Amino acid sequence: MSNEKRHITLHLYNREMSVNAPVDDEEYYRKAAKRITDTVNTYASIFRESVLHGKKDEKDILYMAMLDIALHYEKESSRNDTAPFVDILNHLTSEIEEALNDE
């Protein structure tokens, strides 16, 4: 993994942002910027066009987008919890070692 950084410009919703990103992570930065833009655009269209929700200001839309992205992140990180598998493997290893020692 390289420590080299590259100066890139990202388009996030309605703003251009300059970032110094690690070269190896540039693609992730660009995908993250696209995800943010897509999510904000989705909430903007929902809240600006829906009479039921009433008109929301820009800040409310951004907070809803942040909540949505954070919720996806939390769900994904809980699915990647390997602790239960490590516990099972440790238990099975102990049983195998006991069985081998009994012979």
N, C-alpha and C. Protein backbone atom coordinates (compact mmCIF):
# COMPACT_ATOMS: atom_id res chain seq x y z
N MET A 1 0.84 -1.18 0.00
CA MET A 1 0.00 0.00 0.00
C MET A 1 0.89 1.24 0.00
N SER A 2 0.60 2.13 -0.88
CA SER A 2 1.40 3.34 -1.05
C SER A 2 0.95 4.44 -0.10
N ASN A 3 1.91 5.24 0.37
CA ASN A 3 1.58 6.40 1.21
C ASN A 3 1.40 7.65 0.36
N GLU A 4 1.56 7.50 -0.95
CA GLU A 4 1.44 8.64 -1.86
C GLU A 4 0.00 9.15 -1.89
N LYS A 5 -0.13 10.48 -1.89
CA LYS A 5 -1.46 11.08 -1.96
C LYS A 5 -1.59 11.87 -3.25
N ARG A 6 -2.82 11.98 -3.69
CA ARG A 6 -3.12 12.71 -4.92
C ARG A 6 -4.20 13.74 -4.60
N HIS A 7 -4.06 14.91 -5.16
CA HIS A 7 -5.06 15.96 -5.00
C HIS A 7 -6.17 15.72 -6.02
N ILE A 8 -7.38 15.46 -5.53
CA ILE A 8 -8.51 15.21 -6.43
C ILE A 8 -9.66 16.15 -6.08
N THR A 9 -10.52 16.37 -7.04
CA THR A 9 -11.72 17.16 -6.83
C THR A 9 -12.91 16.23 -6.94
N LEU A 10 -13.76 16.27 -5.92
CA LEU A 10 -14.95 15.43 -5.89
C LEU A 10 -16.20 16.30 -6.00
N HIS A 11 -17.19 15.79 -6.69
CA HIS A 11 -18.48 16.46 -6.76
C HIS A 11 -19.40 15.78 -5.77
N LEU A 12 -19.79 16.51 -4.73
CA LEU A 12 -20.71 15.99 -3.72
C LEU A 12 -21.99 16.82 -3.77
N TYR A 13 -23.02 16.23 -4.31
CA TYR A 13 -24.32 16.85 -4.47
C TYR A 13 -24.20 18.16 -5.25
N ASN A 14 -24.19 19.30 -4.59
CA ASN A 14 -24.11 20.56 -5.33
C ASN A 14 -22.83 21.33 -5.00
N ARG A 15 -21.80 20.61 -4.63
CA ARG A 15 -20.56 21.25 -4.20
C ARG A 15 -19.35 20.49 -4.74
N GLU A 16 -18.34 21.24 -5.10
CA GLU A 16 -17.06 20.66 -5.49
C GLU A 16 -16.14 20.73 -4.28
N MET A 17 -15.48 19.62 -3.97
CA MET A 17 -14.58 19.58 -2.82
C MET A 17 -13.22 19.05 -3.24
N SER A 18 -12.18 19.72 -2.79
CA SER A 18 -10.82 19.26 -3.04
C SER A 18 -10.36 18.42 -1.87
N VAL A 19 -9.75 17.29 -2.19
CA VAL A 19 -9.32 16.34 -1.15
C VAL A 19 -7.95 15.79 -1.53
N ASN A 20 -7.13 15.59 -0.52
CA ASN A 20 -5.87 14.86 -0.72
C ASN A 20 -6.16 13.41 -0.33
N ALA A 21 -6.25 12.56 -1.31
CA ALA A 21 -6.62 11.17 -1.08
C ALA A 21 -5.44 10.26 -1.35
N PRO A 22 -5.27 9.21 -0.54
CA PRO A 22 -4.25 8.22 -0.85
C PRO A 22 -4.53 7.64 -2.24
N VAL A 23 -3.50 7.47 -3.03
CA VAL A 23 -3.64 7.00 -4.41
C VAL A 23 -4.41 5.68 -4.44
N ASP A 24 -4.11 4.79 -3.50
CA ASP A 24 -4.77 3.48 -3.48
C ASP A 24 -6.27 3.59 -3.15
N ASP A 25 -6.68 4.69 -2.54
CA ASP A 25 -8.07 4.85 -2.12
C ASP A 25 -8.88 5.80 -3.00
N GLU A 26 -8.28 6.32 -4.06
CA GLU A 26 -8.97 7.31 -4.89
C GLU A 26 -10.31 6.78 -5.41
N GLU A 27 -10.33 5.55 -5.85
CA GLU A 27 -11.58 4.98 -6.37
C GLU A 27 -12.66 4.96 -5.29
N TYR A 28 -12.28 4.63 -4.05
CA TYR A 28 -13.25 4.61 -2.95
C TYR A 28 -13.79 6.01 -2.67
N TYR A 29 -12.92 7.00 -2.72
CA TYR A 29 -13.36 8.38 -2.53
C TYR A 29 -14.39 8.77 -3.60
N ARG A 30 -14.11 8.41 -4.83
CA ARG A 30 -15.01 8.76 -5.93
C ARG A 30 -16.35 8.02 -5.80
N LYS A 31 -16.30 6.76 -5.43
CA LYS A 31 -17.55 6.00 -5.23
C LYS A 31 -18.34 6.55 -4.05
N ALA A 32 -17.63 6.94 -2.98
CA ALA A 32 -18.31 7.52 -1.82
C ALA A 32 -18.98 8.83 -2.19
N ALA A 33 -18.30 9.66 -2.97
CA ALA A 33 -18.88 10.94 -3.40
C ALA A 33 -20.13 10.69 -4.25
N LYS A 34 -20.07 9.68 -5.12
CA LYS A 34 -21.23 9.37 -5.95
C LYS A 34 -22.38 8.86 -5.09
N ARG A 35 -22.07 8.03 -4.11
CA ARG A 35 -23.12 7.52 -3.22
C ARG A 35 -23.79 8.66 -2.47
N ILE A 36 -22.99 9.59 -1.97
CA ILE A 36 -23.55 10.75 -1.26
C ILE A 36 -24.46 11.54 -2.19
N THR A 37 -23.97 11.84 -3.37
CA THR A 37 -24.75 12.61 -4.34
C THR A 37 -26.05 11.91 -4.69
N ASP A 38 -25.97 10.62 -4.97
CA ASP A 38 -27.18 9.86 -5.32
C ASP A 38 -28.18 9.83 -4.17
N THR A 39 -27.69 9.64 -2.95
CA THR A 39 -28.57 9.57 -1.79
C THR A 39 -29.24 10.91 -1.53
N VAL A 40 -28.47 11.99 -1.59
CA VAL A 40 -29.05 13.32 -1.36
C VAL A 40 -30.06 13.63 -2.46
N ASN A 41 -29.74 13.31 -3.70
CA ASN A 41 -30.69 13.55 -4.79
C ASN A 41 -31.99 12.77 -4.59
N THR A 42 -31.88 11.54 -4.10
CA THR A 42 -33.07 10.73 -3.84
C THR A 42 -33.95 11.41 -2.80
N TYR A 43 -33.36 11.81 -1.67
CA TYR A 43 -34.14 12.46 -0.62
C TYR A 43 -34.65 13.82 -1.06
N ALA A 44 -33.88 14.53 -1.85
CA ALA A 44 -34.33 15.83 -2.35
C ALA A 44 -35.58 15.66 -3.21
N SER A 45 -35.58 14.65 -4.07
CA SER A 45 -36.75 14.45 -4.92
C SER A 45 -37.95 13.98 -4.11
N ILE A 46 -37.73 13.16 -3.10
CA ILE A 46 -38.83 12.68 -2.26
C ILE A 46 -39.45 13.84 -1.49
N PHE A 47 -38.63 14.62 -0.82
CA PHE A 47 -39.15 15.65 0.07
C PHE A 47 -39.59 16.92 -0.65
N ARG A 48 -39.02 17.19 -1.79
CA ARG A 48 -39.41 18.42 -2.50
C ARG A 48 -40.66 18.22 -3.33
N GLU A 49 -40.94 16.98 -3.72
CA GLU A 49 -42.08 16.73 -4.60
C GLU A 49 -43.28 16.15 -3.86
N SER A 50 -43.11 15.75 -2.63
CA SER A 50 -44.19 15.09 -1.92
C SER A 50 -44.99 16.08 -1.07
N VAL A 51 -46.27 16.18 -1.36
CA VAL A 51 -47.15 17.04 -0.57
C VAL A 51 -47.33 16.45 0.82
N LEU A 52 -47.29 15.13 0.93
CA LEU A 52 -47.49 14.47 2.22
C LEU A 52 -46.39 14.81 3.22
N HIS A 53 -45.15 14.91 2.76
CA HIS A 53 -44.03 15.18 3.66
C HIS A 53 -43.83 16.67 3.92
N GLY A 54 -44.45 17.49 3.14
CA GLY A 54 -44.21 18.92 3.26
C GLY A 54 -42.85 19.25 2.69
N LYS A 55 -42.60 20.51 2.49
CA LYS A 55 -41.32 20.91 1.91
C LYS A 55 -40.24 20.92 2.99
N LYS A 56 -39.12 20.28 2.72
CA LYS A 56 -37.99 20.22 3.65
C LYS A 56 -36.90 21.15 3.16
N ASP A 57 -36.18 21.73 4.09
CA ASP A 57 -35.07 22.57 3.65
C ASP A 57 -33.84 21.71 3.37
N GLU A 58 -32.84 22.33 2.79
CA GLU A 58 -31.63 21.63 2.37
C GLU A 58 -30.97 20.87 3.52
N LYS A 59 -30.96 21.47 4.69
CA LYS A 59 -30.32 20.86 5.85
C LYS A 59 -31.02 19.55 6.23
N ASP A 60 -32.35 19.55 6.25
CA ASP A 60 -33.10 18.33 6.57
C ASP A 60 -32.79 17.22 5.58
N ILE A 61 -32.70 17.58 4.32
CA ILE A 61 -32.40 16.60 3.27
C ILE A 61 -31.01 16.01 3.48
N LEU A 62 -30.04 16.86 3.79
CA LEU A 62 -28.68 16.37 4.03
C LEU A 62 -28.62 15.47 5.26
N TYR A 63 -29.35 15.82 6.32
CA TYR A 63 -29.37 14.97 7.51
C TYR A 63 -30.01 13.61 7.22
N MET A 64 -31.08 13.59 6.43
CA MET A 64 -31.70 12.32 6.07
C MET A 64 -30.74 11.47 5.25
N ALA A 65 -30.01 12.09 4.34
CA ALA A 65 -29.04 11.36 3.53
C ALA A 65 -27.93 10.79 4.41
N MET A 66 -27.43 11.59 5.36
CA MET A 66 -26.39 11.09 6.28
C MET A 66 -26.90 9.93 7.09
N LEU A 67 -28.13 10.03 7.58
CA LEU A 67 -28.72 8.95 8.36
C LEU A 67 -28.84 7.68 7.52
N ASP A 68 -29.28 7.82 6.29
CA ASP A 68 -29.42 6.68 5.40
C ASP A 68 -28.08 5.99 5.17
N ILE A 69 -27.04 6.77 4.87
CA ILE A 69 -25.71 6.20 4.62
C ILE A 69 -25.15 5.56 5.87
N ALA A 70 -25.31 6.21 7.02
CA ALA A 70 -24.82 5.65 8.28
C ALA A 70 -25.56 4.36 8.63
N LEU A 71 -26.85 4.32 8.36
CA LEU A 71 -27.64 3.11 8.62
C LEU A 71 -27.15 1.95 7.77
N HIS A 72 -26.89 2.20 6.50
CA HIS A 72 -26.33 1.14 5.63
C HIS A 72 -24.98 0.67 6.17
N TYR A 73 -24.16 1.61 6.58
CA TYR A 73 -22.84 1.28 7.12
C TYR A 73 -22.97 0.41 8.38
N GLU A 74 -23.85 0.78 9.29
CA GLU A 74 -24.04 0.01 10.53
C GLU A 74 -24.55 -1.39 10.24
N LYS A 75 -25.51 -1.50 9.34
CA LYS A 75 -26.03 -2.83 8.99
C LYS A 75 -24.93 -3.69 8.39
N GLU A 76 -24.15 -3.12 7.50
CA GLU A 76 -23.08 -3.86 6.84
C GLU A 76 -22.00 -4.28 7.84
N SER A 77 -21.65 -3.39 8.75
CA SER A 77 -20.60 -3.73 9.72
C SER A 77 -21.06 -4.81 10.68
N SER A 78 -22.35 -4.85 11.00
CA SER A 78 -22.84 -5.92 11.89
C SER A 78 -22.86 -7.26 11.16
N ARG A 79 -23.05 -7.24 9.84
CA ARG A 79 -23.02 -8.49 9.08
C ARG A 79 -21.61 -9.03 8.94
N ASN A 80 -20.61 -8.17 9.11
CA ASN A 80 -19.22 -8.59 8.97
C ASN A 80 -18.58 -8.93 10.31
N ASP A 81 -19.39 -9.08 11.35
CA ASP A 81 -18.87 -9.42 12.67
C ASP A 81 -18.43 -10.88 12.66
N THR A 82 -17.14 -11.11 12.81
CA THR A 82 -16.60 -12.47 12.74
C THR A 82 -16.45 -13.11 14.12
N ALA A 83 -16.75 -12.39 15.18
CA ALA A 83 -16.57 -12.92 16.53
C ALA A 83 -17.30 -14.25 16.75
N PRO A 84 -18.56 -14.41 16.32
CA PRO A 84 -19.22 -15.71 16.53
C PRO A 84 -18.48 -16.86 15.83
N PHE A 85 -17.94 -16.60 14.66
CA PHE A 85 -17.21 -17.65 13.94
C PHE A 85 -15.90 -17.99 14.63
N VAL A 86 -15.22 -16.98 15.16
CA VAL A 86 -13.98 -17.21 15.89
C VAL A 86 -14.27 -18.03 17.14
N ASP A 87 -15.34 -17.73 17.83
CA ASP A 87 -15.73 -18.50 19.02
C ASP A 87 -15.99 -19.96 18.67
N ILE A 88 -16.72 -20.19 17.60
CA ILE A 88 -17.02 -21.56 17.17
C ILE A 88 -15.74 -22.30 16.80
N LEU A 89 -14.85 -21.63 16.05
CA LEU A 89 -13.59 -22.26 15.67
C LEU A 89 -12.73 -22.59 16.89
N ASN A 90 -12.69 -21.68 17.85
CA ASN A 90 -11.93 -21.94 19.08
C ASN A 90 -12.50 -23.14 19.83
N HIS A 91 -13.81 -23.21 19.90
CA HIS A 91 -14.47 -24.32 20.59
C HIS A 91 -14.16 -25.64 19.87
N LEU A 92 -14.29 -25.64 18.56
CA LEU A 92 -14.01 -26.86 17.79
C LEU A 92 -12.53 -27.27 17.91
N THR A 93 -11.64 -26.29 17.91
CA THR A 93 -10.21 -26.58 18.06
C THR A 93 -9.95 -27.23 19.41
N SER A 94 -10.59 -26.70 20.45
CA SER A 94 -10.42 -27.29 21.79
C SER A 94 -10.91 -28.73 21.82
N GLU A 95 -12.06 -29.00 21.20
CA GLU A 95 -12.59 -30.35 21.18
C GLU A 95 -11.67 -31.30 20.41
N ILE A 96 -11.14 -30.83 19.30
CA ILE A 96 -10.22 -31.66 18.50
C ILE A 96 -8.96 -31.96 19.30
N GLU A 97 -8.42 -30.95 19.97
CA GLU A 97 -7.20 -31.15 20.78
C GLU A 97 -7.46 -32.13 21.91
N GLU A 98 -8.63 -32.03 22.56
CA GLU A 98 -8.97 -32.96 23.64
C GLU A 98 -9.08 -34.38 23.10
N ALA A 99 -9.73 -34.54 21.95
CA ALA A 99 -9.88 -35.85 21.36
C ALA A 99 -8.53 -36.46 20.99
N LEU A 100 -7.63 -35.65 20.48
CA LEU A 100 -6.30 -36.13 20.12
C LEU A 100 -5.49 -36.50 21.36
N ASN A 101 -5.64 -35.76 22.44
CA ASN A 101 -4.92 -36.03 23.68
C ASN A 101 -5.44 -37.29 24.37
N ASP A 102 -6.71 -37.63 24.14
CA ASP A 102 -7.30 -38.81 24.75
C ASP A 102 -6.77 -40.10 24.09
N GLU A 103 -6.26 -40.01 22.89
CA GLU A 103 -5.80 -41.20 22.18
C GLU A 103 -4.51 -41.70 22.70
